[in-house]
Amino acid sequence: MKKTLKNKILNSGLVGLLMLSASCGFYRIPRKVLKQFNIPKKFENYLANKVISEKEFCINDVYFSIYFYDVDKDNRADVIEVIAAPSEKPMFYLFDINGNGKFDGKGEVILDMHFDGLNGNEVLTSLPWYKSEFL
């Protein structure tokens, strides 16, 4: 039986399935989450967009990866994910809701304390270190 790329990814488990879903545009933020946090619909399928930049850093022996997504194709980050190792899911999601490119407005930073993806159990927060060189 010929193994296709899709079969290889699917056989690699849940992480592979999530990667395939994201790359094919299947992962969407649930509508209840869009409504709960007043996230514009244009961000619903942000994982289908290319990562335009990526950074890594360490604070107090905790390693972070940051991924920047350009949703409206203007070469500027519209969505940022902050992932703390060893988790595979983001800890913070930042949405440039007001479109100013600064992620500084009310409701633009969401904390996922359970590292289980956007499903409605997250809380709005702010990032005191946002204006640092890490982002």
C-alpha atoms as a PDB file:
ATOM      1  CA  MET A   1       0.000   0.000   0.000  1.00  0.00           C
ATOM      2  CA  LYS A   2       1.385   3.362  -0.993  1.00  0.00           C
ATOM      3  CA  LYS A   3       1.760   5.757   1.962  1.00  0.00           C
ATOM      4  CA  THR A   4       0.749   9.264   1.141  1.00  0.00           C
ATOM      5  CA  LEU A   5       1.846  12.288   3.135  1.00  0.00           C
ATOM      6  CA  LYS A   6      -1.673  12.523   4.526  1.00  0.00           C
ATOM      7  CA  ASN A   7      -1.535   8.912   5.759  1.00  0.00           C
ATOM      8  CA  LYS A   8       1.890   9.458   7.323  1.00  0.00           C
ATOM      9  CA  ILE A   9       0.632  12.486   9.217  1.00  0.00           C
ATOM     10  CA  LEU A  10      -2.588  10.778  10.272  1.00  0.00           C
ATOM     11  CA  ASN A  11      -0.672   7.741  11.506  1.00  0.00           C
ATOM     12  CA  SER A  12       1.559   9.942  13.649  1.00  0.00           C
ATOM     13  CA  GLY A  13      -1.269  10.537  16.148  1.00  0.00           C
ATOM     14  CA  LEU A  14      -3.174  13.524  17.464  1.00  0.00           C
ATOM     15  CA  VAL A  15      -0.353  16.020  16.925  1.00  0.00           C
ATOM     16  CA  GLY A  16      -0.131  14.946  13.301  1.00  0.00           C
ATOM     17  CA  LEU A  17      -3.869  15.304  12.917  1.00  0.00           C
ATOM     18  CA  LEU A  18      -3.799  18.808  14.374  1.00  0.00           C
ATOM     19  CA  MET A  19      -0.914  19.736  12.076  1.00  0.00           C
ATOM     20  CA  LEU A  20      -2.771  18.351   9.066  1.00  0.00           C
ATOM     21  CA  SER A  21      -5.976  20.111  10.098  1.00  0.00           C
ATOM     22  CA  ALA A  22      -4.162  23.426  10.490  1.00  0.00           C
ATOM     23  CA  SER A  23      -2.299  23.101   7.224  1.00  0.00           C
ATOM     24  CA  CYS A  24      -5.503  22.220   5.361  1.00  0.00           C
ATOM     25  CA  GLY A  25      -7.461  25.013   7.000  1.00  0.00           C
ATOM     26  CA  PHE A  26      -9.758  22.694   8.964  1.00  0.00           C
ATOM     27  CA  TYR A  27      -9.010  24.100  12.417  1.00  0.00           C
ATOM     28  CA  ARG A  28     -11.350  26.933  13.266  1.00  0.00           C
ATOM     29  CA  ILE A  29     -11.897  28.861  16.454  1.00  0.00           C
ATOM     30  CA  PRO A  30     -15.311  27.730  17.726  1.00  0.00           C
ATOM     31  CA  ARG A  31     -18.061  30.305  17.157  1.00  0.00           C
ATOM     32  CA  LYS A  32     -18.887  30.425  20.867  1.00  0.00           C
ATOM     33  CA  VAL A  33     -15.288  31.516  21.535  1.00  0.00           C
ATOM     34  CA  LEU A  34     -15.400  34.148  18.778  1.00  0.00           C
ATOM     35  CA  LYS A  35     -18.561  35.519  20.359  1.00  0.00           C
ATOM     36  CA  GLN A  36     -17.366  35.192  23.984  1.00  0.00           C
ATOM     37  CA  PHE A  37     -14.203  37.230  23.351  1.00  0.00           C
ATOM     38  CA  ASN A  38     -15.581  39.468  20.550  1.00  0.00           C
ATOM     39  CA  ILE A  39     -12.997  38.132  18.103  1.00  0.00           C
ATOM     40  CA  PRO A  40     -13.775  39.195  14.510  1.00  0.00           C
ATOM     41  CA  LYS A  41     -14.730  36.343  12.164  1.00  0.00           C
ATOM     42  CA  LYS A  42     -11.695  37.049   9.959  1.00  0.00           C
ATOM     43  CA  PHE A  43      -9.558  35.396  12.686  1.00  0.00           C
ATOM     44  CA  GLU A  44     -11.682  32.228  12.805  1.00  0.00           C
ATOM     45  CA  ASN A  45      -9.335  30.209  10.581  1.00  0.00           C
ATOM     46  CA  TYR A  46      -6.048  32.011  11.312  1.00  0.00           C
ATOM     47  CA  LEU A  47      -4.004  28.793  11.305  1.00  0.00           C
ATOM     48  CA  ALA A  48      -4.609  28.479   7.564  1.00  0.00           C
ATOM     49  CA  ASN A  49      -2.369  31.524   7.155  1.00  0.00           C
ATOM     50  CA  LYS A  50       1.375  31.408   6.843  1.00  0.00           C
ATOM     51  CA  VAL A  51       3.576  32.047   9.874  1.00  0.00           C
ATOM     52  CA  ILE A  52       5.350  35.266   8.886  1.00  0.00           C
ATOM     53  CA  SER A  53       7.785  35.255  11.781  1.00  0.00           C
ATOM     54  CA  GLU A  54       8.839  33.091  14.675  1.00  0.00           C
ATOM     55  CA  LYS A  55      10.911  33.761  17.793  1.00  0.00           C
ATOM     56  CA  GLU A  56      12.199  31.715  20.699  1.00  0.00           C
ATOM     57  CA  PHE A  57      13.421  32.811  24.106  1.00  0.00           C
ATOM     58  CA  CYS A  58      13.899  31.595  27.668  1.00  0.00           C
ATOM     59  CA  ILE A  59      12.820  33.177  30.966  1.00  0.00           C
ATOM     60  CA  ASN A  60      13.709  31.462  34.249  1.00  0.00           C
ATOM     61  CA  ASP A  61      14.403  28.136  32.496  1.00  0.00           C
ATOM     62  CA  VAL A  62      11.039  28.165  30.699  1.00  0.00           C
ATOM     63  CA  TYR A  63      11.354  28.111  26.930  1.00  0.00           C
ATOM     64  CA  PHE A  64       8.853  30.005  24.798  1.00  0.00           C
ATOM     65  CA  SER A  65       8.082  29.966  21.094  1.00  0.00           C
ATOM     66  CA  ILE A  66       6.163  32.805  19.497  1.00  0.00           C
ATOM     67  CA  TYR A  67       4.403  32.494  16.149  1.00  0.00           C
ATOM     68  CA  PHE A  68       3.171  35.494  14.169  1.00  0.00           C
ATOM     69  CA  TYR A  69       0.333  35.070  11.636  1.00  0.00           C
ATOM     70  CA  ASP A  70      -0.706  37.523   8.915  1.00  0.00           C
ATOM     71  CA  VAL A  71      -4.459  37.096   8.404  1.00  0.00           C
ATOM     72  CA  ASP A  72      -5.204  40.023   6.107  1.00  0.00           C
ATOM     73  CA  LYS A  73      -2.055  39.668   3.958  1.00  0.00           C
ATOM     74  CA  ASP A  74      -0.558  43.081   4.765  1.00  0.00           C
ATOM     75  CA  ASN A  75       2.820  41.709   5.995  1.00  0.00           C
ATOM     76  CA  ARG A  76       1.937  42.615   9.577  1.00  0.00           C
ATOM     77  CA  ALA A  77       1.119  40.190  12.379  1.00  0.00           C
ATOM     78  CA  ASP A  78      -2.593  39.994  13.159  1.00  0.00           C
ATOM     79  CA  VAL A  79      -2.461  36.977  15.477  1.00  0.00           C
ATOM     80  CA  ILE A  80       0.319  35.887  17.825  1.00  0.00           C
ATOM     81  CA  GLU A  81       0.569  32.570  19.655  1.00  0.00           C
ATOM     82  CA  VAL A  82       2.882  32.202  22.668  1.00  0.00           C
ATOM     83  CA  ILE A  83       3.728  28.577  23.470  1.00  0.00           C
ATOM     84  CA  ALA A  84       5.603  27.545  26.622  1.00  0.00           C
ATOM     85  CA  ALA A  85       7.584  24.292  26.311  1.00  0.00           C
ATOM     86  CA  PRO A  86       6.844  21.427  26.629  1.00  0.00           C
ATOM     87  CA  SER A  87       3.219  22.225  25.751  1.00  0.00           C
ATOM     88  CA  GLU A  88       2.134  21.897  22.141  1.00  0.00           C
ATOM     89  CA  LYS A  89      -0.768  24.314  22.590  1.00  0.00           C
ATOM     90  CA  PRO A  90      -0.440  28.067  23.079  1.00  0.00           C
ATOM     91  CA  MET A  91      -0.500  29.668  26.516  1.00  0.00           C
ATOM     92  CA  PHE A  92      -1.434  33.089  25.132  1.00  0.00           C
ATOM     93  CA  TYR A  93      -3.327  34.130  22.023  1.00  0.00           C
ATOM     94  CA  LEU A  94      -3.094  37.748  20.891  1.00  0.00           C
ATOM     95  CA  PHE A  95      -5.565  39.124  18.328  1.00  0.00           C
ATOM     96  CA  ASP A  96      -5.130  42.582  16.819  1.00  0.00           C
ATOM     97  CA  ILE A  97      -8.846  43.309  17.064  1.00  0.00           C
ATOM     98  CA  ASN A  98      -8.602  47.078  16.679  1.00  0.00           C
ATOM     99  CA  GLY A  99      -6.143  46.739  13.778  1.00  0.00           C
ATOM    100  CA  ASN A 100      -3.468  49.096  15.100  1.00  0.00           C
ATOM    101  CA  GLY A 101      -0.705  46.467  15.092  1.00  0.00           C
ATOM    102  CA  LYS A 102       0.056  46.905  18.790  1.00  0.00           C
ATOM    103  CA  PHE A 103      -2.088  44.247  20.546  1.00  0.00           C
ATOM    104  CA  ASP A 104      -2.824  46.798  23.234  1.00  0.00           C
ATOM    105  CA  GLY A 105      -6.600  47.104  23.147  1.00  0.00           C
ATOM    106  CA  LYS A 106      -9.127  45.652  25.531  1.00  0.00           C
ATOM    107  CA  GLY A 107      -9.809  42.007  24.813  1.00  0.00           C
ATOM    108  CA  GLU A 108      -6.810  41.413  22.565  1.00  0.00           C
ATOM    109  CA  VAL A 109      -4.895  39.011  24.861  1.00  0.00           C
ATOM    110  CA  ILE A 110      -6.382  35.648  25.865  1.00  0.00           C
ATOM    111  CA  LEU A 111      -4.777  33.313  28.428  1.00  0.00           C
ATOM    112  CA  ASP A 112      -5.342  29.554  28.132  1.00  0.00           C
ATOM    113  CA  MET A 113      -4.346  28.229  31.568  1.00  0.00           C
ATOM    114  CA  HIS A 114      -5.315  24.672  30.574  1.00  0.00           C
ATOM    115  CA  PHE A 115      -3.295  24.573  27.329  1.00  0.00           C
ATOM    116  CA  ASP A 116      -6.242  22.910  25.598  1.00  0.00           C
ATOM    117  CA  GLY A 117      -6.859  25.231  22.671  1.00  0.00           C
ATOM    118  CA  LEU A 118      -9.525  27.878  22.244  1.00  0.00           C
ATOM    119  CA  ASN A 119     -12.703  26.288  23.578  1.00  0.00           C
ATOM    120  CA  GLY A 120     -14.266  28.839  25.947  1.00  0.00           C
ATOM    121  CA  ASN A 121     -12.440  28.184  29.235  1.00  0.00           C
ATOM    122  CA  GLU A 122      -9.871  30.933  28.613  1.00  0.00           C
ATOM    123  CA  VAL A 123      -9.679  34.356  30.264  1.00  0.00           C
ATOM    124  CA  LEU A 124      -8.903  37.838  28.983  1.00  0.00           C
ATOM    125  CA  THR A 125      -5.659  39.229  30.348  1.00  0.00           C
ATOM    126  CA  SER A 126      -2.810  41.559  29.533  1.00  0.00           C
ATOM    127  CA  LEU A 127       0.848  40.865  28.995  1.00  0.00           C
ATOM    128  CA  PRO A 128       3.031  43.065  31.194  1.00  0.00           C
ATOM    129  CA  TRP A 129       6.089  42.043  29.198  1.00  0.00           C
ATOM    130  CA  TYR A 130       4.439  42.546  25.803  1.00  0.00           C
ATOM    131  CA  LYS A 131       6.384  45.672  24.932  1.00  0.00           C
ATOM    132  CA  SER A 132       9.671  43.901  25.570  1.00  0.00           C
ATOM    133  CA  GLU A 133      12.027  42.766  22.849  1.00  0.00           C
ATOM    134  CA  PHE A 134      10.520  39.284  22.905  1.00  0.00           C
ATOM    135  CA  LEU A 135       7.556  40.302  20.758  1.00  0.00           C
END
